[in-house]
Amino acid sequence: MPVVKRFGGYVVKIFFADHNPPHVHVVSADFQALVSISDAAIFRGEIPAKFRGEVLEWISLNREFLMTEWEKVR
């Protein structure tokens, strides 16, 4: 499961051979969420408000990179 971005207390990962839709896992010791790459929408789990804006903006701005990484691990 490649880590594609490290933020202070959490990481963004893409798991090998994961299910559709294309998504990333946002993970810390205290929370976990699945976020769609296409629209940066959280579809499982939660991200605390103090981190949510930062990570969802990063996913939106890096959509092309994330889709390339998604294809590599599939």
N, C-alpha and C. Protein backbone atom coordinates (compact mmCIF):
# COMPACT_ATOMS: atom_id res chain seq x y z
N MET A 1 0.83 -1.17 0.00
CA MET A 1 0.00 0.00 0.00
C MET A 1 0.88 1.24 0.00
N PRO A 2 1.11 1.79 -1.16
CA PRO A 2 1.97 2.97 -1.25
C PRO A 2 1.38 4.18 -0.53
N VAL A 3 2.24 4.84 0.23
CA VAL A 3 1.88 6.12 0.82
C VAL A 3 2.17 7.16 -0.25
N VAL A 4 1.15 7.92 -0.64
CA VAL A 4 1.33 8.92 -1.69
C VAL A 4 1.53 10.32 -1.14
N LYS A 5 1.18 10.53 0.14
CA LYS A 5 1.38 11.85 0.76
C LYS A 5 1.36 11.69 2.27
N ARG A 6 2.29 12.38 2.92
CA ARG A 6 2.34 12.42 4.38
C ARG A 6 2.01 13.84 4.82
N PHE A 7 1.05 13.93 5.70
CA PHE A 7 0.74 15.19 6.36
C PHE A 7 1.17 14.98 7.81
N GLY A 8 1.23 16.02 8.60
CA GLY A 8 1.68 15.91 9.99
C GLY A 8 1.32 14.62 10.69
N GLY A 9 0.07 14.41 11.02
CA GLY A 9 -0.32 13.26 11.80
C GLY A 9 -1.09 12.20 11.03
N TYR A 10 -1.13 12.28 9.72
CA TYR A 10 -1.86 11.29 8.94
C TYR A 10 -1.25 11.13 7.56
N VAL A 11 -1.64 10.06 6.87
CA VAL A 11 -1.11 9.77 5.53
C VAL A 11 -2.25 9.50 4.56
N VAL A 12 -1.93 9.63 3.28
CA VAL A 12 -2.83 9.27 2.20
C VAL A 12 -2.21 8.07 1.51
N LYS A 13 -2.97 6.98 1.40
CA LYS A 13 -2.48 5.73 0.83
C LYS A 13 -3.39 5.25 -0.29
N ILE A 14 -2.83 4.45 -1.17
CA ILE A 14 -3.60 3.70 -2.16
C ILE A 14 -3.25 2.23 -1.96
N PHE A 15 -4.24 1.40 -1.75
CA PHE A 15 -4.00 -0.02 -1.50
C PHE A 15 -3.88 -0.76 -2.83
N PHE A 16 -3.03 -1.78 -2.86
CA PHE A 16 -2.88 -2.63 -4.04
C PHE A 16 -4.17 -3.38 -4.32
N ALA A 17 -4.54 -3.47 -5.60
CA ALA A 17 -5.69 -4.24 -6.07
C ALA A 17 -6.96 -3.91 -5.29
N ASP A 18 -7.17 -2.65 -4.98
CA ASP A 18 -8.35 -2.22 -4.22
C ASP A 18 -9.58 -2.18 -5.11
N HIS A 19 -10.74 -2.08 -4.50
CA HIS A 19 -12.02 -2.07 -5.20
C HIS A 19 -12.31 -0.70 -5.80
N ASN A 20 -13.21 -0.68 -6.77
CA ASN A 20 -13.69 0.58 -7.35
C ASN A 20 -14.73 1.18 -6.43
N PRO A 21 -15.00 2.45 -6.49
CA PRO A 21 -14.43 3.46 -7.38
C PRO A 21 -13.00 3.81 -6.95
N PRO A 22 -12.22 4.41 -7.88
CA PRO A 22 -10.87 4.84 -7.52
C PRO A 22 -10.92 5.77 -6.30
N HIS A 23 -10.11 5.45 -5.29
CA HIS A 23 -10.15 6.20 -4.05
C HIS A 23 -8.83 6.10 -3.32
N VAL A 24 -8.68 6.94 -2.31
CA VAL A 24 -7.53 6.88 -1.43
C VAL A 24 -8.01 6.62 -0.01
N HIS A 25 -7.10 6.14 0.80
CA HIS A 25 -7.35 5.92 2.22
C HIS A 25 -6.61 7.03 2.97
N VAL A 26 -7.32 7.76 3.78
CA VAL A 26 -6.72 8.78 4.63
C VAL A 26 -6.70 8.18 6.03
N VAL A 27 -5.48 7.99 6.58
CA VAL A 27 -5.32 7.18 7.77
C VAL A 27 -4.43 7.88 8.80
N SER A 28 -4.86 7.82 10.05
CA SER A 28 -4.03 8.22 11.18
C SER A 28 -4.28 7.22 12.30
N ALA A 29 -3.65 7.43 13.43
CA ALA A 29 -3.90 6.57 14.58
C ALA A 29 -5.32 6.76 15.11
N ASP A 30 -5.92 7.91 14.83
CA ASP A 30 -7.23 8.24 15.41
C ASP A 30 -8.41 8.18 14.45
N PHE A 31 -8.15 8.12 13.15
CA PHE A 31 -9.26 8.10 12.20
C PHE A 31 -8.83 7.42 10.91
N GLN A 32 -9.85 7.09 10.12
CA GLN A 32 -9.64 6.47 8.81
C GLN A 32 -10.82 6.81 7.94
N ALA A 33 -10.56 7.12 6.67
CA ALA A 33 -11.64 7.42 5.73
C ALA A 33 -11.23 7.01 4.33
N LEU A 34 -12.23 6.72 3.52
CA LEU A 34 -12.04 6.48 2.09
C LEU A 34 -12.57 7.70 1.36
N VAL A 35 -11.77 8.21 0.42
CA VAL A 35 -12.13 9.42 -0.31
C VAL A 35 -12.02 9.15 -1.80
N SER A 36 -13.07 9.43 -2.53
CA SER A 36 -13.10 9.27 -3.97
C SER A 36 -12.12 10.23 -4.63
N ILE A 37 -11.35 9.72 -5.57
CA ILE A 37 -10.39 10.56 -6.28
C ILE A 37 -11.13 11.52 -7.23
N SER A 38 -12.19 11.07 -7.85
CA SER A 38 -12.85 11.89 -8.88
C SER A 38 -13.46 13.17 -8.35
N ASP A 39 -13.99 13.13 -7.12
CA ASP A 39 -14.65 14.35 -6.62
C ASP A 39 -14.25 14.71 -5.18
N ALA A 40 -13.24 14.02 -4.65
CA ALA A 40 -12.74 14.28 -3.29
C ALA A 40 -13.86 14.21 -2.25
N ALA A 41 -14.78 13.27 -2.45
CA ALA A 41 -15.88 13.09 -1.50
C ALA A 41 -15.57 11.92 -0.57
N ILE A 42 -15.80 12.12 0.71
CA ILE A 42 -15.63 11.05 1.69
C ILE A 42 -16.82 10.10 1.55
N PHE A 43 -16.55 8.81 1.29
CA PHE A 43 -17.67 7.88 1.17
C PHE A 43 -17.66 6.79 2.23
N ARG A 44 -16.64 6.76 3.06
CA ARG A 44 -16.65 5.85 4.21
C ARG A 44 -15.73 6.43 5.28
N GLY A 45 -16.15 6.38 6.51
CA GLY A 45 -15.34 6.88 7.61
C GLY A 45 -15.48 8.39 7.77
N GLU A 46 -14.59 8.94 8.56
CA GLU A 46 -14.62 10.37 8.85
C GLU A 46 -13.21 10.93 8.93
N ILE A 47 -13.09 12.22 8.62
CA ILE A 47 -11.85 12.96 8.80
C ILE A 47 -12.20 14.15 9.69
N PRO A 48 -11.51 14.31 10.81
CA PRO A 48 -11.82 15.44 11.68
C PRO A 48 -11.74 16.77 10.93
N ALA A 49 -12.58 17.70 11.33
CA ALA A 49 -12.68 18.99 10.66
C ALA A 49 -11.34 19.70 10.53
N LYS A 50 -10.48 19.59 11.54
CA LYS A 50 -9.20 20.31 11.48
C LYS A 50 -8.26 19.79 10.39
N PHE A 51 -8.50 18.57 9.87
CA PHE A 51 -7.69 18.02 8.79
C PHE A 51 -8.44 17.96 7.46
N ARG A 52 -9.75 17.94 7.51
CA ARG A 52 -10.58 17.67 6.33
C ARG A 52 -10.30 18.61 5.17
N GLY A 53 -10.32 19.90 5.40
CA GLY A 53 -10.12 20.87 4.31
C GLY A 53 -8.79 20.69 3.62
N GLU A 54 -7.73 20.52 4.42
CA GLU A 54 -6.39 20.37 3.87
C GLU A 54 -6.28 19.15 2.96
N VAL A 55 -6.75 18.00 3.43
CA VAL A 55 -6.57 16.79 2.65
C VAL A 55 -7.51 16.74 1.44
N LEU A 56 -8.74 17.21 1.59
CA LEU A 56 -9.66 17.19 0.45
C LEU A 56 -9.20 18.15 -0.64
N GLU A 57 -8.65 19.29 -0.24
CA GLU A 57 -8.10 20.22 -1.24
C GLU A 57 -6.91 19.58 -1.95
N TRP A 58 -6.03 18.92 -1.19
CA TRP A 58 -4.87 18.28 -1.80
C TRP A 58 -5.30 17.21 -2.79
N ILE A 59 -6.29 16.41 -2.43
CA ILE A 59 -6.80 15.38 -3.34
C ILE A 59 -7.36 16.03 -4.61
N SER A 60 -8.13 17.08 -4.47
CA SER A 60 -8.69 17.78 -5.63
C SER A 60 -7.61 18.31 -6.55
N LEU A 61 -6.59 18.90 -5.97
CA LEU A 61 -5.51 19.50 -6.76
C LEU A 61 -4.58 18.47 -7.38
N ASN A 62 -4.60 17.25 -6.87
CA ASN A 62 -3.68 16.21 -7.34
C ASN A 62 -4.40 15.02 -7.94
N ARG A 63 -5.58 15.26 -8.46
CA ARG A 63 -6.43 14.20 -9.01
C ARG A 63 -5.71 13.40 -10.11
N GLU A 64 -5.05 14.09 -11.02
CA GLU A 64 -4.38 13.39 -12.12
C GLU A 64 -3.26 12.48 -11.59
N PHE A 65 -2.44 13.00 -10.69
CA PHE A 65 -1.38 12.20 -10.07
C PHE A 65 -1.97 10.98 -9.36
N LEU A 66 -3.03 11.18 -8.61
CA LEU A 66 -3.64 10.07 -7.86
C LEU A 66 -4.22 9.01 -8.79
N MET A 67 -4.83 9.43 -9.89
CA MET A 67 -5.36 8.44 -10.85
C MET A 67 -4.22 7.64 -11.48
N THR A 68 -3.11 8.30 -11.76
CA THR A 68 -1.94 7.59 -12.30
C THR A 68 -1.44 6.56 -11.29
N GLU A 69 -1.35 6.96 -10.03
CA GLU A 69 -0.93 6.02 -8.99
C GLU A 69 -1.93 4.88 -8.82
N TRP A 70 -3.22 5.20 -8.89
CA TRP A 70 -4.27 4.17 -8.79
C TRP A 70 -4.08 3.12 -9.88
N GLU A 71 -3.84 3.57 -11.10
CA GLU A 71 -3.65 2.64 -12.22
C GLU A 71 -2.39 1.79 -12.04
N LYS A 72 -1.34 2.37 -11.49
CA LYS A 72 -0.09 1.62 -11.28
C LYS A 72 -0.30 0.43 -10.33
N VAL A 73 -1.07 0.63 -9.27
CA VAL A 73 -1.22 -0.44 -8.28
C VAL A 73 -2.36 -1.40 -8.62
N ARG A 74 -3.10 -1.13 -9.64
CA ARG A 74 -4.19 -2.03 -10.04
C ARG A 74 -3.62 -3.04 -10.98
